[in-house]
């Protein structure tokens, strides 16, 4: 599960992003994938770094992240691009982190 991978990186979804950061990410997500990823890296650079390092070092974590992104990524990216995603949902926050850390 995506939450397990994030927890394995020593992160808690509820603590990674401030509400104002989520608002900024949501606004910038409407400008495309790269803008969304930059916004996530700007908002939570340490979290993205830690998660990137875990994905690089742990094949199981990398596989779990890939599975989540494959299953949920397109749907969540589309919702974000249209400004329709629930920014407080764990799935949205997990997607933002895993997508930025995996790219």
Protein backbone atom coordinates (compact mmCIF):
# COMPACT_ATOMS: atom_id res chain seq x y z
CA UNK A 1 0.00 0.00 0.00
CA UNK A 2 1.12 3.56 -0.72
CA UNK A 3 0.72 4.54 2.93
CA UNK A 4 3.12 1.80 3.97
CA UNK A 5 5.80 3.06 1.57
CA UNK A 6 5.37 6.59 2.87
CA UNK A 7 5.50 5.41 6.49
CA UNK A 8 8.61 3.36 5.68
CA UNK A 9 10.26 6.63 4.62
CA UNK A 10 9.48 7.98 8.10
CA UNK A 11 6.73 10.28 6.84
CA UNK A 12 3.14 10.88 7.93
CA UNK A 13 0.76 12.06 5.23
CA UNK A 14 -1.07 14.28 7.69
CA UNK A 15 2.13 16.18 8.50
CA UNK A 16 3.86 16.54 5.14
CA UNK A 17 1.84 19.38 3.61
CA UNK A 18 0.35 22.49 5.18
CA UNK A 19 -3.11 23.52 4.01
CA UNK A 20 -1.66 26.54 2.23
CA UNK A 21 0.91 24.31 0.49
CA UNK A 22 -1.90 22.03 -0.70
CA UNK A 23 -3.74 25.08 -2.05
CA UNK A 24 -0.62 26.17 -3.96
CA UNK A 25 -0.05 22.66 -5.31
CA UNK A 26 -3.68 22.45 -6.39
CA UNK A 27 -3.44 25.76 -8.23
CA UNK A 28 -0.16 24.88 -9.92
CA UNK A 29 -1.39 21.40 -10.85
CA UNK A 30 -3.69 23.03 -13.40
CA UNK A 31 -0.54 24.09 -15.29
CA UNK A 32 0.53 20.50 -15.97
CA UNK A 33 2.53 17.63 -14.60
CA UNK A 34 5.88 19.38 -14.32
CA UNK A 35 4.35 22.39 -12.54
CA UNK A 36 2.59 20.04 -10.10
CA UNK A 37 5.79 18.12 -9.36
CA UNK A 38 7.75 21.36 -8.85
CA UNK A 39 5.08 22.61 -6.46
CA UNK A 40 5.29 19.39 -4.44
CA UNK A 41 9.10 19.58 -4.31
CA UNK A 42 8.91 23.23 -3.25
CA UNK A 43 6.33 22.46 -0.54
CA UNK A 44 7.98 19.34 0.90
CA UNK A 45 11.58 19.03 -0.30
CA UNK A 46 12.74 16.86 2.61
CA UNK A 47 9.79 14.47 2.29
CA UNK A 48 10.35 14.08 -1.46
CA UNK A 49 14.08 13.49 -0.89
CA UNK A 50 13.49 10.85 1.79
CA UNK A 51 10.89 9.07 -0.31
CA UNK A 52 13.11 9.21 -3.41
CA UNK A 53 15.97 7.64 -1.47
CA UNK A 54 13.72 4.86 -0.17
CA UNK A 55 12.37 4.11 -3.66
CA UNK A 56 15.91 3.99 -5.02
CA UNK A 57 17.17 1.66 -2.27
CA UNK A 58 14.19 -0.64 -1.71
CA UNK A 59 12.82 -2.72 -4.62
CA UNK A 60 9.67 -3.65 -2.67
CA UNK A 61 8.88 0.00 -1.96
CA UNK A 62 9.56 0.89 -5.59
CA UNK A 63 7.18 -1.87 -6.73
CA UNK A 64 4.45 -0.77 -4.30
CA UNK A 65 4.79 2.85 -5.45
CA UNK A 66 4.66 1.83 -9.11
CA UNK A 67 1.57 -0.29 -8.47
CA UNK A 68 -0.20 2.62 -6.73
CA UNK A 69 0.77 5.11 -9.44
CA UNK A 70 -0.37 2.71 -12.16
CA UNK A 71 -3.69 2.03 -10.45
CA UNK A 72 -4.54 5.55 -9.27
CA UNK A 73 -2.14 7.95 -10.97
CA UNK A 74 -4.03 8.79 -14.16
CA UNK A 75 -7.32 9.35 -12.33
CA UNK A 76 -5.77 11.55 -9.63
CA UNK A 77 -3.62 13.49 -12.11
CA UNK A 78 -6.73 14.21 -14.17
CA UNK A 79 -8.69 15.37 -11.12
CA UNK A 80 -5.79 17.59 -10.05
CA UNK A 81 -5.44 19.09 -13.53
CA UNK A 82 -9.15 19.97 -13.53
CA UNK A 83 -9.09 21.34 -9.98
CA UNK A 84 -11.44 18.58 -8.82
CA UNK A 85 -9.21 16.53 -6.50
CA UNK A 86 -9.82 16.39 -2.78
CA UNK A 87 -6.53 17.84 -1.56
CA UNK A 88 -7.13 16.57 1.98
CA UNK A 89 -7.61 12.94 0.88
CA UNK A 90 -4.79 10.56 1.79
CA UNK A 91 -4.83 9.12 -1.74
CA UNK A 92 -4.24 12.58 -3.23
CA UNK A 93 -1.42 13.38 -0.81
CA UNK A 94 0.16 9.96 -1.38
CA UNK A 95 -0.06 10.45 -5.14
CA UNK A 96 1.55 13.89 -4.96
CA UNK A 97 4.48 12.56 -2.93
CA UNK A 98 5.01 9.30 -4.81
CA UNK A 99 4.70 10.98 -8.20
CA UNK A 100 7.24 13.69 -7.33
CA UNK A 101 9.62 11.21 -5.69
CA UNK A 102 9.41 8.78 -8.60
CA UNK A 103 10.10 11.31 -11.33
